[in-house]
Amino acid sequence: DEFDKFILLQLLQEEPSRGLKSYADSLYDYTGTRVSRSTISRWFLYAFPIKGSLVKPNLVPYDKFRPENEARAYEYLFMLSHFAPHRVKFGDEKSLKG
């Protein structure tokens, strides 16, 4: 049903990292439609011209520009702005591992 599809898209937009069980439970809460997790997964795979998956890609995280991440980045930049540039040192992870 079209309303169920609309709800799934709204749930995706609201929280992209939610699990399949959360989609199924929320769909039941909103519409009374009970579906399995595999049905939700199949719908995301074949509902659009380009196949979609709920697996997070490892190249660019989807949540990179979430408001809480942006706030932390601004807080970090604000903190750095109080230091003289020649005093700021950056360390590589490899050199920090003993």
PDB file of N, CA and C in Angstrom:
ATOM      1  N   ASP A   1       0.840  -1.177   0.000  1.00  0.00           N
ATOM      2  CA  ASP A   1       0.000   0.000   0.000  1.00  0.00           C
ATOM      3  C   ASP A   1       0.891   1.249   0.000  1.00  0.00           C
ATOM      4  N   GLU A   2       0.451   2.301  -0.645  1.00  0.00           N
ATOM      5  CA  GLU A   2       1.263   3.512  -0.822  1.00  0.00           C
ATOM      6  C   GLU A   2       1.566   4.197   0.513  1.00  0.00           C
ATOM      7  N   PHE A   3       0.610   4.158   1.441  1.00  0.00           N
ATOM      8  CA  PHE A   3       0.847   4.795   2.739  1.00  0.00           C
ATOM      9  C   PHE A   3       1.949   4.076   3.507  1.00  0.00           C
ATOM     10  N   ASP A   4       2.000   2.746   3.400  1.00  0.00           N
ATOM     11  CA  ASP A   4       3.071   1.984   4.045  1.00  0.00           C
ATOM     12  C   ASP A   4       4.434   2.386   3.476  1.00  0.00           C
ATOM     13  N   LYS A   5       4.508   2.554   2.160  1.00  0.00           N
ATOM     14  CA  LYS A   5       5.760   2.972   1.527  1.00  0.00           C
ATOM     15  C   LYS A   5       6.168   4.364   2.002  1.00  0.00           C
ATOM     16  N   PHE A   6       5.177   5.237   2.120  1.00  0.00           N
ATOM     17  CA  PHE A   6       5.441   6.591   2.608  1.00  0.00           C
ATOM     18  C   PHE A   6       6.002   6.541   4.032  1.00  0.00           C
ATOM     19  N   ILE A   7       5.422   5.706   4.879  1.00  0.00           N
ATOM     20  CA  ILE A   7       5.885   5.575   6.265  1.00  0.00           C
ATOM     21  C   ILE A   7       7.320   5.062   6.292  1.00  0.00           C
ATOM     22  N   LEU A   8       7.633   4.066   5.470  1.00  0.00           N
ATOM     23  CA  LEU A   8       8.997   3.531   5.432  1.00  0.00           C
ATOM     24  C   LEU A   8      10.003   4.602   5.015  1.00  0.00           C
ATOM     25  N   LEU A   9       9.635   5.401   4.042  1.00  0.00           N
ATOM     26  CA  LEU A   9      10.538   6.480   3.610  1.00  0.00           C
ATOM     27  C   LEU A   9      10.706   7.540   4.702  1.00  0.00           C
ATOM     28  N   GLN A  10       9.625   7.833   5.415  1.00  0.00           N
ATOM     29  CA  GLN A  10       9.726   8.800   6.513  1.00  0.00           C
ATOM     30  C   GLN A  10      10.616   8.259   7.630  1.00  0.00           C
ATOM     31  N   LEU A  11      10.485   6.957   7.923  1.00  0.00           N
ATOM     32  CA  LEU A  11      11.313   6.335   8.953  1.00  0.00           C
ATOM     33  C   LEU A  11      12.787   6.356   8.547  1.00  0.00           C
ATOM     34  N   LEU A  12      13.053   6.124   7.268  1.00  0.00           N
ATOM     35  CA  LEU A  12      14.421   6.172   6.756  1.00  0.00           C
ATOM     36  C   LEU A  12      15.005   7.570   6.909  1.00  0.00           C
ATOM     37  N   GLN A  13      14.210   8.579   6.563  1.00  0.00           N
ATOM     38  CA  GLN A  13      14.682   9.958   6.666  1.00  0.00           C
ATOM     39  C   GLN A  13      14.897  10.351   8.129  1.00  0.00           C
ATOM     40  N   GLU A  14      14.033   9.874   9.006  1.00  0.00           N
ATOM     41  CA  GLU A  14      14.117  10.216  10.430  1.00  0.00           C
ATOM     42  C   GLU A  14      15.375   9.649  11.083  1.00  0.00           C
ATOM     43  N   GLU A  15      15.681   8.384  10.784  1.00  0.00           N
ATOM     44  CA  GLU A  15      16.836   7.722  11.404  1.00  0.00           C
ATOM     45  C   GLU A  15      17.416   6.709  10.433  1.00  0.00           C
ATOM     46  N   PRO A  16      18.385   7.123   9.593  1.00  0.00           N
ATOM     47  CA  PRO A  16      18.921   6.234   8.557  1.00  0.00           C
ATOM     48  C   PRO A  16      19.621   4.989   9.094  1.00  0.00           C
ATOM     49  N   SER A  17      20.058   5.017  10.336  1.00  0.00           N
ATOM     50  CA  SER A  17      20.803   3.867  10.852  1.00  0.00           C
ATOM     51  C   SER A  17      19.931   2.875  11.616  1.00  0.00           C
ATOM     52  N   ARG A  18      18.620   3.010  11.552  1.00  0.00           N
ATOM     53  CA  ARG A  18      17.745   2.075  12.277  1.00  0.00           C
ATOM     54  C   ARG A  18      17.806   0.698  11.646  1.00  0.00           C
ATOM     55  N   GLY A  19      17.494  -0.320  12.428  1.00  0.00           N
ATOM     56  CA  GLY A  19      17.529  -1.702  11.961  1.00  0.00           C
ATOM     57  C   GLY A  19      16.222  -2.134  11.321  1.00  0.00           C
ATOM     58  N   LEU A  20      16.248  -3.287  10.689  1.00  0.00           N
ATOM     59  CA  LEU A  20      15.051  -3.808  10.014  1.00  0.00           C
ATOM     60  C   LEU A  20      13.918  -4.063  10.995  1.00  0.00           C
ATOM     61  N   LYS A  21      14.240  -4.558  12.174  1.00  0.00           N
ATOM     62  CA  LYS A  21      13.216  -4.822  13.183  1.00  0.00           C
ATOM     63  C   LYS A  21      12.517  -3.527  13.581  1.00  0.00           C
ATOM     64  N   SER A  22      13.269  -2.460  13.682  1.00  0.00           N
ATOM     65  CA  SER A  22      12.686  -1.163  14.021  1.00  0.00           C
ATOM     66  C   SER A  22      11.720  -0.690  12.932  1.00  0.00           C
ATOM     67  N   TYR A  23      12.087  -0.913  11.666  1.00  0.00           N
ATOM     68  CA  TYR A  23      11.178  -0.560  10.565  1.00  0.00           C
ATOM     69  C   TYR A  23       9.884  -1.362  10.672  1.00  0.00           C
ATOM     70  N   ALA A  24      10.007  -2.661  10.892  1.00  0.00           N
ATOM     71  CA  ALA A  24       8.828  -3.519  10.959  1.00  0.00           C
ATOM     72  C   ALA A  24       7.943  -3.131  12.143  1.00  0.00           C
ATOM     73  N   ASP A  25       8.553  -2.890  13.299  1.00  0.00           N
ATOM     74  CA  ASP A  25       7.774  -2.519  14.487  1.00  0.00           C
ATOM     75  C   ASP A  25       7.102  -1.162  14.316  1.00  0.00           C
ATOM     76  N   SER A  26       7.831  -0.194  13.773  1.00  0.00           N
ATOM     77  CA  SER A  26       7.261   1.142  13.585  1.00  0.00           C
ATOM     78  C   SER A  26       6.156   1.133  12.538  1.00  0.00           C
ATOM     79  N   LEU A  27       6.332   0.353  11.488  1.00  0.00           N
ATOM     80  CA  LEU A  27       5.280   0.249  10.472  1.00  0.00           C
ATOM     81  C   LEU A  27       4.004  -0.317  11.086  1.00  0.00           C
ATOM     82  N   TYR A  28       4.147  -1.315  11.953  1.00  0.00           N
ATOM     83  CA  TYR A  28       2.982  -1.883  12.631  1.00  0.00           C
ATOM     84  C   TYR A  28       2.340  -0.847  13.552  1.00  0.00           C
ATOM     85  N   ASP A  29       3.164  -0.078  14.270  1.00  0.00           N
ATOM     86  CA  ASP A  29       2.636   0.935  15.184  1.00  0.00           C
ATOM     87  C   ASP A  29       1.849   2.008  14.442  1.00  0.00           C
ATOM     88  N   TYR A  30       2.345   2.436  13.275  1.00  0.00           N
ATOM     89  CA  TYR A  30       1.696   3.519  12.534  1.00  0.00           C
ATOM     90  C   TYR A  30       0.497   3.052  11.708  1.00  0.00           C
ATOM     91  N   THR A  31       0.619   1.881  11.065  1.00  0.00           N
ATOM     92  CA  THR A  31      -0.420   1.488  10.111  1.00  0.00           C
ATOM     93  C   THR A  31      -1.143   0.199  10.467  1.00  0.00           C
ATOM     94  N   GLY A  32      -0.605  -0.577  11.389  1.00  0.00           N
ATOM     95  CA  GLY A  32      -1.204  -1.858  11.711  1.00  0.00           C
ATOM     96  C   GLY A  32      -0.812  -2.958  10.737  1.00  0.00           C
ATOM     97  N   THR A  33       0.081  -2.654   9.813  1.00  0.00           N
ATOM     98  CA  THR A  33       0.551  -3.629   8.839  1.00  0.00           C
ATOM     99  C   THR A  33       1.742  -4.379   9.412  1.00  0.00           C
ATOM    100  N   ARG A  34       1.634  -5.698   9.502  1.00  0.00           N
ATOM    101  CA  ARG A  34       2.734  -6.497  10.021  1.00  0.00           C
ATOM    102  C   ARG A  34       3.470  -7.126   8.839  1.00  0.00           C
ATOM    103  N   VAL A  35       4.780  -6.884   8.770  1.00  0.00           N
ATOM    104  CA  VAL A  35       5.619  -7.454   7.720  1.00  0.00           C
ATOM    105  C   VAL A  35       6.893  -7.999   8.361  1.00  0.00           C
ATOM    106  N   SER A  36       7.544  -8.896   7.646  1.00  0.00           N
ATOM    107  CA  SER A  36       8.792  -9.467   8.162  1.00  0.00           C
ATOM    108  C   SER A  36       9.959  -8.542   7.831  1.00  0.00           C
ATOM    109  N   ARG A  37      11.072  -8.794   8.504  1.00  0.00           N
ATOM    110  CA  ARG A  37      12.275  -7.995   8.234  1.00  0.00           C
ATOM    111  C   ARG A  37      12.781  -8.244   6.819  1.00  0.00           C
ATOM    112  N   SER A  38      12.632  -9.456   6.320  1.00  0.00           N
ATOM    113  CA  SER A  38      13.093  -9.742   4.957  1.00  0.00           C
ATOM    114  C   SER A  38      12.250  -8.990   3.919  1.00  0.00           C
ATOM    115  N   THR A  39      10.964  -8.775   4.209  1.00  0.00           N
ATOM    116  CA  THR A  39      10.114  -7.995   3.302  1.00  0.00           C
ATOM    117  C   THR A  39      10.582  -6.543   3.263  1.00  0.00           C
ATOM    118  N   ILE A  40      10.916  -6.008   4.422  1.00  0.00           N
ATOM    119  CA  ILE A  40      11.431  -4.631   4.481  1.00  0.00           C
ATOM    120  C   ILE A  40      12.731  -4.540   3.681  1.00  0.00           C
ATOM    121  N   SER A  41      13.615  -5.501   3.878  1.00  0.00           N
ATOM    122  CA  SER A  41      14.899  -5.509   3.171  1.00  0.00           C
ATOM    123  C   SER A  41      14.693  -5.591   1.661  1.00  0.00           C
ATOM    124  N   ARG A  42      13.800  -6.492   1.218  1.00  0.00           N
ATOM    125  CA  ARG A  42      13.511  -6.625  -0.220  1.00  0.00           C
ATOM    126  C   ARG A  42      12.926  -5.334  -0.782  1.00  0.00           C
ATOM    127  N   TRP A  43      12.066  -4.684  -0.010  1.00  0.00           N
ATOM    128  CA  TRP A  43      11.462  -3.448  -0.497  1.00  0.00           C
ATOM    129  C   TRP A  43      12.534  -2.389  -0.734  1.00  0.00           C
ATOM    130  N   PHE A  44      13.465  -2.235   0.203  1.00  0.00           N
ATOM    131  CA  PHE A  44      14.529  -1.248   0.007  1.00  0.00           C
ATOM    132  C   PHE A  44      15.437  -1.620  -1.162  1.00  0.00           C
ATOM    133  N   LEU A  45      15.589  -2.913  -1.433  1.00  0.00           N
ATOM    134  CA  LEU A  45      16.435  -3.330  -2.550  1.00  0.00           C
ATOM    135  C   LEU A  45      15.802  -3.055  -3.912  1.00  0.00           C
ATOM    136  N   TYR A  46      14.486  -3.228  -4.011  1.00  0.00           N
ATOM    137  CA  TYR A  46      13.843  -3.189  -5.337  1.00  0.00           C
ATOM    138  C   TYR A  46      12.818  -2.085  -5.529  1.00  0.00           C
ATOM    139  N   ALA A  47      12.616  -1.209  -4.571  1.00  0.00           N
ATOM    140  CA  ALA A  47      11.571  -0.187  -4.682  1.00  0.00           C
ATOM    141  C   ALA A  47      11.974   0.980  -5.584  1.00  0.00           C
ATOM    142  N   PHE A  48      13.252   1.131  -5.843  1.00  0.00           N
ATOM    143  CA  PHE A  48      13.734   2.292  -6.583  1.00  0.00           C
ATOM    144  C   PHE A  48      14.529   1.837  -7.802  1.00  0.00           C
ATOM    145  N   PRO A  49      14.730   2.720  -8.776  1.00  0.00           N
ATOM    146  CA  PRO A  49      15.501   2.339  -9.965  1.00  0.00           C
ATOM    147  C   PRO A  49      16.930   1.890  -9.630  1.00  0.00           C
ATOM    148  N   ILE A  50      17.522   2.474  -8.586  1.00  0.00           N
ATOM    149  CA  ILE A  50      18.849   2.068  -8.143  1.00  0.00           C
ATOM    150  C   ILE A  50      18.670   1.238  -6.889  1.00  0.00           C
ATOM    151  N   LYS A  51      19.298   0.065  -6.838  1.00  0.00           N
ATOM    152  CA  LYS A  51      19.133  -0.810  -5.683  1.00  0.00           C
ATOM    153  C   LYS A  51      19.622  -0.117  -4.416  1.00  0.00           C
ATOM    154  N   GLY A  52      18.823  -0.214  -3.376  1.00  0.00           N
ATOM    155  CA  GLY A  52      19.197   0.362  -2.091  1.00  0.00           C
ATOM    156  C   GLY A  52      19.393  -0.737  -1.071  1.00  0.00           C
ATOM    157  N   SER A  53      20.261  -0.487  -0.139  1.00  0.00           N
ATOM    158  CA  SER A  53      20.534  -1.459   0.902  1.00  0.00           C
ATOM    159  C   SER A  53      20.674  -0.715   2.217  1.00  0.00           C
ATOM    160  N   LEU A  54      20.386  -1.389   3.314  1.00  0.00           N
ATOM    161  CA  LEU A  54      20.530  -0.766   4.616  1.00  0.00           C
ATOM    162  C   LEU A  54      21.913  -1.002   5.200  1.00  0.00           C
ATOM    163  N   VAL A  55      22.808  -1.603   4.433  1.00  0.00           N
ATOM    164  CA  VAL A  55      24.175  -1.807   4.896  1.00  0.00           C
ATOM    165  C   VAL A  55      24.922  -0.490   4.765  1.00  0.00           C
ATOM    166  N   LYS A  56      25.616  -0.105   5.814  1.00  0.00           N
ATOM    167  CA  LYS A  56      26.348   1.158   5.768  1.00  0.00           C
ATOM    168  C   LYS A  56      27.600   1.006   4.904  1.00  0.00           C
ATOM    169  N   PRO A  57      27.814   1.910   3.957  1.00  0.00           N
ATOM    170  CA  PRO A  57      29.037   1.841   3.164  1.00  0.00           C
ATOM    171  C   PRO A  57      30.231   2.268   4.014  1.00  0.00           C
ATOM    172  N   ASN A  58      31.394   1.776   3.680  1.00  0.00           N
ATOM    173  CA  ASN A  58      32.560   2.113   4.475  1.00  0.00           C
ATOM    174  C   ASN A  58      33.370   3.276   3.892  1.00  0.00           C
ATOM    175  N   LEU A  59      32.941   3.834   2.773  1.00  0.00           N
ATOM    176  CA  LEU A  59      33.704   4.922   2.162  1.00  0.00           C
ATOM    177  C   LEU A  59      33.333   6.284   2.745  1.00  0.00           C
ATOM    178  N   VAL A  60      32.074   6.641   2.714  1.00  0.00           N
ATOM    179  CA  VAL A  60      31.613   7.912   3.259  1.00  0.00           C
ATOM    180  C   VAL A  60      30.399   7.630   4.137  1.00  0.00           C
ATOM    181  N   PRO A  61      30.503   7.886   5.432  1.00  0.00           N
ATOM    182  CA  PRO A  61      29.362   7.586   6.300  1.00  0.00           C
ATOM    183  C   PRO A  61      28.193   8.530   6.031  1.00  0.00           C
ATOM    184  N   TYR A  62      26.986   7.960   6.048  1.00  0.00           N
ATOM    185  CA  TYR A  62      25.789   8.769   5.811  1.00  0.00           C
ATOM    186  C   TYR A  62      25.570   9.779   6.923  1.00  0.00           C
ATOM    187  N   ASP A  63      25.972   9.430   8.131  1.00  0.00           N
ATOM    188  CA  ASP A  63      25.696  10.300   9.261  1.00  0.00           C
ATOM    189  C   ASP A  63      26.781  11.345   9.497  1.00  0.00           C
ATOM    190  N   LYS A  64      27.650  11.545   8.524  1.00  0.00           N
ATOM    191  CA  LYS A  64      28.750  12.496   8.681  1.00  0.00           C
ATOM    192  C   LYS A  64      28.239  13.907   8.964  1.00  0.00           C
ATOM    193  N   PHE A  65      27.153  14.293   8.343  1.00  0.00           N
ATOM    194  CA  PHE A  65      26.652  15.660   8.480  1.00  0.00           C
ATOM    195  C   PHE A  65      25.409  15.739   9.352  1.00  0.00           C
ATOM    196  N   ARG A  66      25.274  14.833  10.300  1.00  0.00           N
ATOM    197  CA  ARG A  66      24.170  14.933  11.252  1.00  0.00           C
ATOM    198  C   ARG A  66      24.417  16.135  12.155  1.00  0.00           C
ATOM    199  N   PRO A  67      23.359  16.731  12.679  1.00  0.00           N
ATOM    200  CA  PRO A  67      23.517  17.941  13.503  1.00  0.00           C
ATOM    201  C   PRO A  67      24.465  17.755  14.689  1.00  0.00           C
ATOM    202  N   GLU A  68      24.406  16.609  15.370  1.00  0.00           N
ATOM    203  CA  GLU A  68      25.282  16.435  16.531  1.00  0.00           C
ATOM    204  C   GLU A  68      26.749  16.314  16.124  1.00  0.00           C
ATOM    205  N   ASN A  69      27.014  15.719  14.951  1.00  0.00           N
ATOM    206  CA  ASN A  69      28.400  15.639  14.466  1.00  0.00           C
ATOM    207  C   ASN A  69      28.910  17.002  14.024  1.00  0.00           C
ATOM    208  N   GLU A  70      28.054  17.772  13.385  1.00  0.00           N
ATOM    209  CA  GLU A  70      28.455  19.124  12.981  1.00  0.00           C
ATOM    210  C   GLU A  70      28.722  19.988  14.205  1.00  0.00           C
ATOM    211  N   ALA A  71      27.905  19.847  15.242  1.00  0.00           N
ATOM    212  CA  ALA A  71      28.097  20.628  16.462  1.00  0.00           C
ATOM    213  C   ALA A  71      29.446  20.296  17.107  1.00  0.00           C
ATOM    214  N   ARG A  72      29.811  19.017  17.121  1.00  0.00           N
ATOM    215  CA  ARG A  72      31.107  18.624  17.682  1.00  0.00           C
ATOM    216  C   ARG A  72      32.257  19.181  16.843  1.00  0.00           C
ATOM    217  N   ALA A  73      32.100  19.206  15.528  1.00  0.00           N
ATOM    218  CA  ALA A  73      33.143  19.754  14.659  1.00  0.00           C
ATOM    219  C   ALA A  73      33.318  21.250  14.903  1.00  0.00           C
ATOM    220  N   TYR A  74      32.202  21.984  15.028  1.00  0.00           N
ATOM    221  CA  TYR A  74      32.293  23.419  15.315  1.00  0.00           C
ATOM    222  C   TYR A  74      32.925  23.663  16.685  1.00  0.00           C
ATOM    223  N   GLU A  75      32.577  22.833  17.657  1.00  0.00           N
ATOM    224  CA  GLU A  75      33.170  22.959  18.993  1.00  0.00           C
ATOM    225  C   GLU A  75      34.684  22.746  18.933  1.00  0.00           C
ATOM    226  N   TYR A  76      35.120  21.762  18.149  1.00  0.00           N
ATOM    227  CA  TYR A  76      36.546  21.484  17.979  1.00  0.00           C
ATOM    228  C   TYR A  76      37.250  22.663  17.309  1.00  0.00           C
ATOM    229  N   LEU A  77      36.642  23.199  16.250  1.00  0.00           N
ATOM    230  CA  LEU A  77      37.246  24.344  15.562  1.00  0.00           C
ATOM    231  C   LEU A  77      37.299  25.570  16.465  1.00  0.00           C
ATOM    232  N   PHE A  78      36.276  25.758  17.281  1.00  0.00           N
ATOM    233  CA  PHE A  78      36.260  26.872  18.222  1.00  0.00           C
ATOM    234  C   PHE A  78      37.398  26.724  19.228  1.00  0.00           C
ATOM    235  N   MET A  79      37.601  25.506  19.716  1.00  0.00           N
ATOM    236  CA  MET A  79      38.687  25.258  20.662  1.00  0.00           C
ATOM    237  C   MET A  79      40.051  25.526  20.005  1.00  0.00           C
ATOM    238  N   LEU A  80      40.215  25.052  18.768  1.00  0.00           N
ATOM    239  CA  LEU A  80      41.483  25.275  18.064  1.00  0.00           C
ATOM    240  C   LEU A  80      41.744  26.749  17.790  1.00  0.00           C
ATOM    241  N   SER A  81      40.694  27.528  17.620  1.00  0.00           N
ATOM    242  CA  SER A  81      40.877  28.943  17.306  1.00  0.00           C
ATOM    243  C   SER A  81      41.509  29.713  18.458  1.00  0.00           C
ATOM    244  N   HIS A  82      41.541  29.135  19.654  1.00  0.00           N
ATOM    245  CA  HIS A  82      42.127  29.802  20.809  1.00  0.00           C
ATOM    246  C   HIS A  82      43.623  29.508  20.980  1.00  0.00           C
ATOM    247  N   PHE A  83      44.163  28.670  20.107  1.00  0.00           N
ATOM    248  CA  PHE A  83      45.576  28.331  20.184  1.00  0.00           C
ATOM    249  C   PHE A  83      46.335  29.002  19.042  1.00  0.00           C
ATOM    250  N   ALA A  84      47.585  29.320  19.292  1.00  0.00           N
ATOM    251  CA  ALA A  84      48.432  29.837  18.222  1.00  0.00           C
ATOM    252  C   ALA A  84      48.709  28.691  17.248  1.00  0.00           C
ATOM    253  N   PRO A  85      48.624  28.939  15.927  1.00  0.00           N
ATOM    254  CA  PRO A  85      48.782  27.845  14.955  1.00  0.00           C
ATOM    255  C   PRO A  85      50.098  27.083  15.080  1.00  0.00           C
ATOM    256  N   HIS A  86      51.188  27.753  15.453  1.00  0.00           N
ATOM    257  CA  HIS A  86      52.470  27.051  15.540  1.00  0.00           C
ATOM    258  C   HIS A  86      52.543  26.129  16.765  1.00  0.00           C
ATOM    259  N   ARG A  87      51.608  26.270  17.692  1.00  0.00           N
ATOM    260  CA  ARG A  87      51.607  25.430  18.889  1.00  0.00           C
ATOM    261  C   ARG A  87      50.737  24.172  18.734  1.00  0.00           C
ATOM    262  N   VAL A  88      49.958  24.094  17.688  1.00  0.00           N
ATOM    263  CA  VAL A  88      49.063  22.951  17.481  1.00  0.00           C
ATOM    264  C   VAL A  88      49.844  21.821  16.837  1.00  0.00           C
ATOM    265  N   LYS A  89      49.823  20.657  17.450  1.00  0.00           N
ATOM    266  CA  LYS A  89      50.523  19.475  16.933  1.00  0.00           C
ATOM    267  C   LYS A  89      49.498  18.382  16.654  1.00  0.00           C
ATOM    268  N   PHE A  90      49.661  17.706  15.547  1.00  0.00           N
ATOM    269  CA  PHE A  90      48.795  16.594  15.200  1.00  0.00           C
ATOM    270  C   PHE A  90      49.621  15.321  15.218  1.00  0.00           C
ATOM    271  N   GLY A  91      49.051  14.264  15.775  1.00  0.00           N
ATOM    272  CA  GLY A  91      49.772  12.997  15.836  1.00  0.00           C
ATOM    273  C   GLY A  91      49.105  11.948  14.971  1.00  0.00           C
ATOM    274  N   ASP A  92      49.908  11.098  14.394  1.00  0.00           N
ATOM    275  CA  ASP A  92      49.398   9.991  13.618  1.00  0.00           C
ATOM    276  C   ASP A  92      49.112   8.835  14.563  1.00  0.00           C
ATOM    277  N   GLU A  93      48.079   8.054  14.269  1.00  0.00           N
ATOM    278  CA  GLU A  93      47.718   6.929  15.148  1.00  0.00           C
ATOM    279  C   GLU A  93      48.869   5.949  15.324  1.00  0.00           C
ATOM    280  N   LYS A  94      49.604   5.694  14.264  1.00  0.00           N
ATOM    281  CA  LYS A  94      50.690   4.714  14.345  1.00  0.00           C
ATOM    282  C   LYS A  94      51.753   5.132  15.355  1.00  0.00           C
ATOM    283  N   SER A  95      52.057   6.421  15.379  1.00  0.00           N
ATOM    284  CA  SER A  95      53.097   6.864  16.310  1.00  0.00           C
ATOM    285  C   SER A  95      52.604   6.894  17.743  1.00  0.00           C
ATOM    286  N   LEU A  96      51.306   6.887  17.952  1.00  0.00           N
ATOM    287  CA  LEU A  96      50.750   6.934  19.293  1.00  0.00           C
ATOM    288  C   LEU A  96      50.601   5.542  19.912  1.00  0.00           C
ATOM    289  N   LYS A  97      50.808   4.490  19.134  1.00  0.00           N
ATOM    290  CA  LYS A  97      50.576   3.127  19.611  1.00  0.00           C
ATOM    291  C   LYS A  97      51.831   2.495  20.212  1.00  0.00           C
ATOM    292  N   GLY A  98      52.609   3.235  20.917  1.00  0.00           N
ATOM    293  CA  GLY A  98      53.731   2.681  21.656  1.00  0.00           C
ATOM    294  C   GLY A  98      54.851   2.303  20.789  1.00  0.00           C
TER     295      GLY A  98
END
